[in-house]
Amino acid sequence: MQSRMKNPALALPGAYEAIMALNKAIEAADVSRTTRELVNLRASQINGCSVCVDMHWRMLKKLGEKDERIFAVGAWRESPYYSEAERAALALAEATTRLSDRADPVPDEVWNEAARHYNETQLSALVVGIGLINLFNRVNAATRQIAGEWVQKYV
């Protein structure tokens, strides 16, 4: 396997810094790091981004998450390992990632459940964070970035 080019977020002057500034705003919104990483992992699984799947399972492990919670995130609906708030964030991540899968991409039921657990600032962070992980997934897929041990320096 070989990537098509250096990661564009690193190759385009100013892009990485802008993305990190956006990430810093997301971090300040008081959504747990674990929830954000579960969301990142799930969106990356949906999009088939091996780099991000690799990075986010490692981050969850570093945060002390149990293997069961990491391994079962793809089947979170049928797994007993997630809180109601985490389930709401995962449902929002799936709907927002799969925009073209249904006529109403993010149904009121999904949105209202998320809003039951998160305030407006936290919802904003979740929505922007989901958009950001989808950006990374698409950049990595388009350029065929390769997962591997190098990811550890970012975790």
N, C-alpha and C. Protein backbone atom coordinates (compact mmCIF):
# COMPACT_ATOMS: atom_id res chain seq x y z
N MET A 1 0.84 -1.19 0.00
CA MET A 1 0.00 0.00 0.00
C MET A 1 0.88 1.24 0.00
N GLN A 2 0.40 2.22 -0.72
CA GLN A 2 1.12 3.50 -0.77
C GLN A 2 0.11 4.62 -0.91
N SER A 3 0.32 5.69 -0.17
CA SER A 3 -0.59 6.83 -0.29
C SER A 3 -0.33 7.56 -1.60
N ARG A 4 -1.33 8.26 -2.05
CA ARG A 4 -1.22 9.00 -3.31
C ARG A 4 -0.37 10.26 -3.16
N MET A 5 -0.37 10.81 -1.97
CA MET A 5 0.38 12.04 -1.70
C MET A 5 0.49 12.21 -0.19
N LYS A 6 1.29 13.17 0.21
CA LYS A 6 1.35 13.54 1.62
C LYS A 6 -0.04 14.01 2.03
N ASN A 7 -0.38 13.84 3.29
CA ASN A 7 -1.69 14.25 3.76
C ASN A 7 -1.91 15.74 3.45
N PRO A 8 -2.98 16.05 2.71
CA PRO A 8 -3.23 17.45 2.33
C PRO A 8 -3.37 18.40 3.52
N ALA A 9 -3.88 17.92 4.63
CA ALA A 9 -4.00 18.77 5.82
C ALA A 9 -2.64 19.20 6.34
N LEU A 10 -1.61 18.40 6.04
CA LEU A 10 -0.25 18.75 6.43
C LEU A 10 0.50 19.46 5.30
N ALA A 11 0.13 19.18 4.07
CA ALA A 11 0.83 19.75 2.91
C ALA A 11 0.35 21.16 2.56
N LEU A 12 -0.90 21.46 2.82
CA LEU A 12 -1.47 22.77 2.47
C LEU A 12 -1.13 23.76 3.58
N PRO A 13 -0.35 24.79 3.27
CA PRO A 13 0.05 25.76 4.30
C PRO A 13 -1.15 26.35 5.03
N GLY A 14 -1.10 26.26 6.35
CA GLY A 14 -2.13 26.83 7.20
C GLY A 14 -3.31 25.91 7.50
N ALA A 15 -3.47 24.85 6.74
CA ALA A 15 -4.64 23.98 6.92
C ALA A 15 -4.61 23.28 8.27
N TYR A 16 -3.50 22.68 8.62
CA TYR A 16 -3.41 21.94 9.88
C TYR A 16 -3.67 22.87 11.07
N GLU A 17 -3.10 24.05 11.02
CA GLU A 17 -3.28 25.02 12.11
C GLU A 17 -4.75 25.43 12.24
N ALA A 18 -5.42 25.62 11.10
CA ALA A 18 -6.84 25.98 11.12
C ALA A 18 -7.68 24.84 11.70
N ILE A 19 -7.37 23.63 11.29
CA ILE A 19 -8.09 22.47 11.80
C ILE A 19 -7.88 22.32 13.30
N MET A 20 -6.66 22.52 13.76
CA MET A 20 -6.38 22.40 15.19
C MET A 20 -7.07 23.51 15.99
N ALA A 21 -7.21 24.70 15.41
CA ALA A 21 -7.94 25.78 16.08
C ALA A 21 -9.41 25.40 16.23
N LEU A 22 -9.97 24.80 15.19
CA LEU A 22 -11.35 24.33 15.25
C LEU A 22 -11.49 23.22 16.30
N ASN A 23 -10.53 22.32 16.32
CA ASN A 23 -10.54 21.24 17.30
C ASN A 23 -10.47 21.79 18.73
N LYS A 24 -9.70 22.84 18.93
CA LYS A 24 -9.58 23.45 20.25
C LYS A 24 -10.92 24.02 20.71
N ALA A 25 -11.67 24.63 19.79
CA ALA A 25 -13.00 25.14 20.12
C ALA A 25 -13.94 24.00 20.51
N ILE A 26 -13.84 22.89 19.79
CA ILE A 26 -14.67 21.72 20.09
C ILE A 26 -14.34 21.20 21.49
N GLU A 27 -13.06 21.12 21.81
CA GLU A 27 -12.63 20.62 23.12
C GLU A 27 -13.13 21.48 24.27
N ALA A 28 -13.31 22.77 24.02
CA ALA A 28 -13.73 23.70 25.08
C ALA A 28 -15.21 23.60 25.41
N ALA A 29 -15.96 22.82 24.67
CA ALA A 29 -17.42 22.80 24.81
C ALA A 29 -17.95 21.84 25.87
N ASP A 30 -17.10 21.19 26.61
CA ASP A 30 -17.53 20.34 27.72
C ASP A 30 -18.32 19.11 27.30
N VAL A 31 -17.92 18.51 26.17
CA VAL A 31 -18.39 17.17 25.82
C VAL A 31 -17.22 16.26 26.16
N SER A 32 -17.47 15.19 26.86
CA SER A 32 -16.36 14.35 27.32
C SER A 32 -15.49 13.89 26.16
N ARG A 33 -14.22 13.77 26.44
CA ARG A 33 -13.27 13.31 25.42
C ARG A 33 -13.65 11.90 24.96
N THR A 34 -14.10 11.09 25.89
CA THR A 34 -14.51 9.73 25.53
C THR A 34 -15.66 9.75 24.53
N THR A 35 -16.66 10.57 24.78
CA THR A 35 -17.79 10.66 23.85
C THR A 35 -17.31 11.13 22.48
N ARG A 36 -16.47 12.14 22.47
CA ARG A 36 -15.95 12.64 21.18
C ARG A 36 -15.17 11.56 20.44
N GLU A 37 -14.40 10.78 21.16
CA GLU A 37 -13.61 9.73 20.52
C GLU A 37 -14.49 8.58 20.03
N LEU A 38 -15.53 8.23 20.79
CA LEU A 38 -16.48 7.21 20.32
C LEU A 38 -17.15 7.66 19.03
N VAL A 39 -17.56 8.92 18.98
CA VAL A 39 -18.17 9.50 17.78
C VAL A 39 -17.18 9.46 16.62
N ASN A 40 -15.94 9.85 16.87
CA ASN A 40 -14.92 9.84 15.81
C ASN A 40 -14.69 8.42 15.29
N LEU A 41 -14.63 7.48 16.20
CA LEU A 41 -14.42 6.09 15.79
C LEU A 41 -15.58 5.59 14.95
N ARG A 42 -16.81 5.88 15.39
CA ARG A 42 -17.98 5.38 14.66
C ARG A 42 -18.07 6.00 13.26
N ALA A 43 -17.91 7.29 13.14
CA ALA A 43 -17.96 7.93 11.82
C ALA A 43 -16.86 7.38 10.92
N SER A 44 -15.69 7.16 11.47
CA SER A 44 -14.57 6.63 10.69
C SER A 44 -14.83 5.20 10.23
N GLN A 45 -15.49 4.41 11.07
CA GLN A 45 -15.88 3.06 10.65
C GLN A 45 -16.84 3.13 9.48
N ILE A 46 -17.83 3.99 9.57
CA ILE A 46 -18.82 4.13 8.50
C ILE A 46 -18.13 4.53 7.20
N ASN A 47 -17.19 5.45 7.29
CA ASN A 47 -16.52 5.97 6.10
C ASN A 47 -15.36 5.09 5.63
N GLY A 48 -15.02 4.06 6.38
CA GLY A 48 -13.94 3.17 5.99
C GLY A 48 -12.57 3.83 6.01
N CYS A 49 -12.36 4.74 6.94
CA CYS A 49 -11.08 5.44 7.04
C CYS A 49 -10.17 4.70 8.04
N SER A 50 -9.25 3.92 7.51
CA SER A 50 -8.40 3.10 8.38
C SER A 50 -7.49 3.95 9.26
N VAL A 51 -7.04 5.09 8.76
CA VAL A 51 -6.17 5.96 9.56
C VAL A 51 -6.93 6.45 10.79
N CYS A 52 -8.14 6.93 10.60
CA CYS A 52 -8.91 7.46 11.72
C CYS A 52 -9.41 6.37 12.66
N VAL A 53 -9.80 5.22 12.11
CA VAL A 53 -10.18 4.10 12.97
C VAL A 53 -8.98 3.74 13.85
N ASP A 54 -7.81 3.65 13.25
CA ASP A 54 -6.59 3.32 13.98
C ASP A 54 -6.31 4.36 15.07
N MET A 55 -6.42 5.62 14.70
CA MET A 55 -6.11 6.69 15.65
C MET A 55 -7.10 6.72 16.81
N HIS A 56 -8.37 6.58 16.53
CA HIS A 56 -9.37 6.78 17.58
C HIS A 56 -9.54 5.58 18.50
N TRP A 57 -9.30 4.35 18.03
CA TRP A 57 -9.32 3.24 19.00
C TRP A 57 -8.12 3.38 19.92
N ARG A 58 -6.99 3.84 19.38
CA ARG A 58 -5.80 4.04 20.22
C ARG A 58 -6.05 5.12 21.27
N MET A 59 -6.72 6.19 20.86
CA MET A 59 -7.01 7.27 21.80
C MET A 59 -7.95 6.78 22.90
N LEU A 60 -8.97 6.03 22.53
CA LEU A 60 -9.88 5.48 23.53
C LEU A 60 -9.13 4.58 24.51
N LYS A 61 -8.24 3.78 24.00
CA LYS A 61 -7.43 2.91 24.86
C LYS A 61 -6.58 3.75 25.81
N LYS A 62 -5.97 4.81 25.27
CA LYS A 62 -5.14 5.71 26.08
C LYS A 62 -5.96 6.38 27.18
N LEU A 63 -7.23 6.64 26.89
CA LEU A 63 -8.13 7.25 27.87
C LEU A 63 -8.61 6.25 28.92
N GLY A 64 -8.20 4.98 28.77
CA GLY A 64 -8.56 3.96 29.75
C GLY A 64 -9.84 3.21 29.43
N GLU A 65 -10.34 3.35 28.22
CA GLU A 65 -11.57 2.64 27.86
C GLU A 65 -11.34 1.14 27.78
N LYS A 66 -12.36 0.40 28.17
CA LYS A 66 -12.30 -1.06 28.12
C LYS A 66 -12.45 -1.53 26.67
N ASP A 67 -11.82 -2.67 26.39
CA ASP A 67 -11.89 -3.24 25.05
C ASP A 67 -13.33 -3.43 24.57
N GLU A 68 -14.21 -3.84 25.47
CA GLU A 68 -15.59 -4.09 25.09
C GLU A 68 -16.23 -2.87 24.48
N ARG A 69 -15.98 -1.71 25.09
CA ARG A 69 -16.58 -0.47 24.57
C ARG A 69 -15.96 -0.07 23.24
N ILE A 70 -14.70 -0.32 23.07
CA ILE A 70 -14.04 0.02 21.80
C ILE A 70 -14.50 -0.93 20.70
N PHE A 71 -14.48 -2.21 20.98
CA PHE A 71 -14.81 -3.21 19.95
C PHE A 71 -16.28 -3.18 19.55
N ALA A 72 -17.16 -2.80 20.46
CA ALA A 72 -18.60 -2.88 20.20
C ALA A 72 -19.19 -1.60 19.62
N VAL A 73 -18.39 -0.58 19.41
CA VAL A 73 -18.96 0.69 18.96
C VAL A 73 -19.71 0.56 17.64
N GLY A 74 -19.30 -0.35 16.78
CA GLY A 74 -20.01 -0.56 15.52
C GLY A 74 -21.39 -1.18 15.71
N ALA A 75 -21.63 -1.74 16.87
CA ALA A 75 -22.93 -2.36 17.19
C ALA A 75 -23.48 -1.73 18.47
N TRP A 76 -23.30 -0.44 18.63
CA TRP A 76 -23.67 0.24 19.87
C TRP A 76 -25.14 0.09 20.23
N ARG A 77 -26.01 -0.01 19.25
CA ARG A 77 -27.45 -0.13 19.54
C ARG A 77 -27.75 -1.43 20.29
N GLU A 78 -27.02 -2.48 19.97
CA GLU A 78 -27.27 -3.80 20.56
C GLU A 78 -26.33 -4.11 21.72
N SER A 79 -25.51 -3.16 22.11
CA SER A 79 -24.51 -3.39 23.16
C SER A 79 -24.90 -2.65 24.43
N PRO A 80 -24.63 -3.26 25.58
CA PRO A 80 -25.01 -2.65 26.86
C PRO A 80 -23.98 -1.67 27.42
N TYR A 81 -22.96 -1.35 26.66
CA TYR A 81 -21.79 -0.66 27.21
C TYR A 81 -21.85 0.87 27.17
N TYR A 82 -22.91 1.46 26.66
CA TYR A 82 -22.93 2.90 26.43
C TYR A 82 -24.07 3.57 27.19
N SER A 83 -23.79 4.77 27.67
CA SER A 83 -24.81 5.54 28.38
C SER A 83 -25.83 6.08 27.37
N GLU A 84 -26.95 6.57 27.88
CA GLU A 84 -27.96 7.18 27.01
C GLU A 84 -27.38 8.38 26.26
N ALA A 85 -26.58 9.18 26.92
CA ALA A 85 -25.97 10.35 26.27
C ALA A 85 -25.01 9.91 25.16
N GLU A 86 -24.21 8.88 25.42
CA GLU A 86 -23.30 8.38 24.39
C GLU A 86 -24.08 7.82 23.20
N ARG A 87 -25.17 7.12 23.48
CA ARG A 87 -26.01 6.58 22.42
C ARG A 87 -26.60 7.71 21.56
N ALA A 88 -27.00 8.78 22.21
CA ALA A 88 -27.55 9.92 21.47
C ALA A 88 -26.48 10.55 20.58
N ALA A 89 -25.26 10.66 21.09
CA ALA A 89 -24.16 11.22 20.29
C ALA A 89 -23.80 10.29 19.14
N LEU A 90 -23.81 8.99 19.38
CA LEU A 90 -23.50 8.02 18.31
C LEU A 90 -24.59 8.03 17.23
N ALA A 91 -25.85 8.15 17.63
CA ALA A 91 -26.93 8.23 16.65
C ALA A 91 -26.80 9.50 15.81
N LEU A 92 -26.47 10.60 16.46
CA LEU A 92 -26.26 11.86 15.74
C LEU A 92 -25.09 11.73 14.77
N ALA A 93 -24.03 11.08 15.21
CA ALA A 93 -22.85 10.88 14.34
C ALA A 93 -23.21 10.04 13.12
N GLU A 94 -23.95 8.98 13.33
CA GLU A 94 -24.34 8.12 12.20
C GLU A 94 -25.23 8.88 11.22
N ALA A 95 -26.24 9.58 11.73
CA ALA A 95 -27.15 10.30 10.85
C ALA A 95 -26.41 11.39 10.08
N THR A 96 -25.55 12.12 10.76
CA THR A 96 -24.84 13.23 10.13
C THR A 96 -23.78 12.74 9.15
N THR A 97 -23.27 11.55 9.36
CA THR A 97 -22.29 10.96 8.45
C THR A 97 -22.97 10.37 7.22
N ARG A 98 -24.15 9.82 7.40
CA ARG A 98 -24.87 9.16 6.30
C ARG A 98 -25.97 10.05 5.74
N LEU A 99 -25.64 11.23 5.36
CA LEU A 99 -26.63 12.22 4.93
C LEU A 99 -27.50 11.77 3.77
N SER A 100 -26.96 11.03 2.84
CA SER A 100 -27.74 10.67 1.65
C SER A 100 -28.50 9.36 1.81
N ASP A 101 -28.48 8.75 2.97
CA ASP A 101 -29.14 7.46 3.16
C ASP A 101 -30.65 7.56 3.38
N ARG A 102 -31.15 8.75 3.65
CA ARG A 102 -32.59 8.89 3.88
C ARG A 102 -33.05 10.30 3.49
N ALA A 103 -34.35 10.44 3.27
CA ALA A 103 -34.90 11.73 2.86
C ALA A 103 -34.70 12.81 3.92
N ASP A 104 -34.84 12.43 5.17
CA ASP A 104 -34.62 13.35 6.29
C ASP A 104 -33.32 12.91 6.97
N PRO A 105 -32.18 13.47 6.54
CA PRO A 105 -30.88 12.95 7.00
C PRO A 105 -30.71 12.88 8.51
N VAL A 106 -31.12 13.90 9.22
CA VAL A 106 -31.03 13.90 10.68
C VAL A 106 -32.45 14.10 11.21
N PRO A 107 -33.17 13.00 11.43
CA PRO A 107 -34.56 13.10 11.86
C PRO A 107 -34.70 13.79 13.22
N ASP A 108 -35.86 14.40 13.42
CA ASP A 108 -36.13 15.07 14.70
C ASP A 108 -35.91 14.13 15.88
N GLU A 109 -36.27 12.88 15.73
CA GLU A 109 -36.09 11.91 16.82
C GLU A 109 -34.62 11.83 17.26
N VAL A 110 -33.72 11.79 16.29
CA VAL A 110 -32.28 11.73 16.59
C VAL A 110 -31.83 13.05 17.20
N TRP A 111 -32.24 14.15 16.59
CA TRP A 111 -31.83 15.46 17.10
C TRP A 111 -32.37 15.71 18.51
N ASN A 112 -33.64 15.43 18.71
CA ASN A 112 -34.26 15.69 20.01
C ASN A 112 -33.64 14.85 21.13
N GLU A 113 -33.27 13.62 20.81
CA GLU A 113 -32.61 12.78 21.82
C GLU A 113 -31.25 13.36 22.17
N ALA A 114 -30.51 13.83 21.18
CA ALA A 114 -29.22 14.46 21.46
C ALA A 114 -29.42 15.74 22.29
N ALA A 115 -30.44 16.52 21.93
CA ALA A 115 -30.71 17.77 22.65
C ALA A 115 -31.17 17.52 24.08
N ARG A 116 -31.69 16.35 24.35
CA ARG A 116 -32.09 15.98 25.71
C ARG A 116 -30.86 15.81 26.62
N HIS A 117 -29.72 15.46 26.02
CA HIS A 117 -28.51 15.17 26.80
C HIS A 117 -27.45 16.26 26.73
N TYR A 118 -27.53 17.11 25.71
CA TYR A 118 -26.48 18.10 25.49
C TYR A 118 -27.10 19.48 25.29
N ASN A 119 -26.45 20.51 25.87
CA ASN A 119 -26.94 21.87 25.67
C ASN A 119 -26.51 22.37 24.29
N GLU A 120 -26.88 23.58 23.96
CA GLU A 120 -26.62 24.10 22.60
C GLU A 120 -25.13 24.16 22.28
N THR A 121 -24.32 24.58 23.22
CA THR A 121 -22.88 24.63 22.98
C THR A 121 -22.32 23.23 22.76
N GLN A 122 -22.75 22.29 23.56
CA GLN A 122 -22.29 20.91 23.42
C GLN A 122 -22.77 20.30 22.10
N LEU A 123 -24.03 20.57 21.74
CA LEU A 123 -24.54 20.09 20.45
C LEU A 123 -23.74 20.69 19.30
N SER A 124 -23.41 21.97 19.43
CA SER A 124 -22.59 22.63 18.41
C SER A 124 -21.25 21.93 18.27
N ALA A 125 -20.65 21.60 19.40
CA ALA A 125 -19.37 20.90 19.38
C ALA A 125 -19.51 19.52 18.74
N LEU A 126 -20.57 18.82 19.06
CA LEU A 126 -20.79 17.50 18.46
C LEU A 126 -20.97 17.62 16.95
N VAL A 127 -21.80 18.54 16.50
CA VAL A 127 -22.06 18.69 15.07
C VAL A 127 -20.79 19.12 14.33
N VAL A 128 -20.08 20.10 14.86
CA VAL A 128 -18.84 20.54 14.21
C VAL A 128 -17.79 19.43 14.27
N GLY A 129 -17.72 18.72 15.39
CA GLY A 129 -16.78 17.61 15.51
C GLY A 129 -17.08 16.49 14.53
N ILE A 130 -18.36 16.19 14.34
CA ILE A 130 -18.74 15.17 13.36
C ILE A 130 -18.36 15.63 11.96
N GLY A 131 -18.59 16.90 11.68
CA GLY A 131 -18.16 17.44 10.39
C GLY A 131 -16.66 17.34 10.21
N LEU A 132 -15.91 17.62 11.27
CA LEU A 132 -14.45 17.58 11.20
C LEU A 132 -13.93 16.16 10.98
N ILE A 133 -14.49 15.18 11.68
CA ILE A 133 -14.02 13.81 11.47
C ILE A 133 -14.37 13.35 10.06
N ASN A 134 -15.51 13.78 9.56
CA ASN A 134 -15.87 13.44 8.18
C ASN A 134 -14.90 14.09 7.19
N LEU A 135 -14.45 15.30 7.49
CA LEU A 135 -13.43 15.94 6.65
C LEU A 135 -12.16 15.09 6.63
N PHE A 136 -11.68 14.71 7.81
CA PHE A 136 -10.48 13.87 7.87
C PHE A 136 -10.68 12.56 7.13
N ASN A 137 -11.83 11.92 7.32
CA ASN A 137 -12.11 10.65 6.65
C ASN A 137 -12.04 10.82 5.13
N ARG A 138 -12.62 11.88 4.63
CA ARG A 138 -12.66 12.10 3.18
C ARG A 138 -11.29 12.44 2.62
N VAL A 139 -10.55 13.26 3.33
CA VAL A 139 -9.19 13.59 2.89
C VAL A 139 -8.32 12.33 2.87
N ASN A 140 -8.41 11.54 3.92
CA ASN A 140 -7.61 10.32 4.00
C ASN A 140 -8.01 9.30 2.94
N ALA A 141 -9.32 9.16 2.69
CA ALA A 141 -9.78 8.20 1.68
C ALA A 141 -9.36 8.65 0.28
N ALA A 142 -9.53 9.94 -0.01
CA ALA A 142 -9.20 10.44 -1.35
C ALA A 142 -7.72 10.26 -1.68
N THR A 143 -6.88 10.41 -0.68
CA THR A 143 -5.43 10.34 -0.91
C THR A 143 -4.82 9.01 -0.48
N ARG A 144 -5.70 8.09 -0.06
CA ARG A 144 -5.29 6.75 0.37
C ARG A 144 -4.18 6.77 1.44
N GLN A 145 -4.43 7.56 2.46
CA GLN A 145 -3.47 7.61 3.57
C GLN A 145 -3.43 6.24 4.24
N ILE A 146 -2.28 5.85 4.70
CA ILE A 146 -2.05 4.52 5.24
C ILE A 146 -2.01 4.58 6.77
N ALA A 147 -2.78 3.70 7.39
CA ALA A 147 -2.74 3.58 8.85
C ALA A 147 -1.45 2.90 9.26
N GLY A 148 -1.13 3.01 10.52
CA GLY A 148 0.06 2.33 11.01
C GLY A 148 0.59 2.96 12.27
N GLU A 149 1.75 2.53 12.63
CA GLU A 149 2.34 2.96 13.89
C GLU A 149 2.60 4.46 13.97
N TRP A 150 2.76 5.14 12.84
CA TRP A 150 2.99 6.59 12.87
C TRP A 150 1.86 7.32 13.59
N VAL A 151 0.68 6.75 13.60
CA VAL A 151 -0.48 7.36 14.23
C VAL A 151 -0.20 7.63 15.72
N GLN A 152 0.59 6.79 16.32
CA GLN A 152 0.84 6.89 17.76
C GLN A 152 1.40 8.26 18.16
N LYS A 153 2.14 8.90 17.27
CA LYS A 153 2.70 10.21 17.64
C LYS A 153 1.62 11.28 17.77
N TYR A 154 0.44 11.03 17.18
CA TYR A 154 -0.66 11.98 17.27
C TYR A 154 -1.64 11.63 18.38
N VAL A 155 -1.44 10.50 19.02
CA VAL A 155 -2.36 10.05 20.06
C VAL A 155 -1.78 10.39 21.42
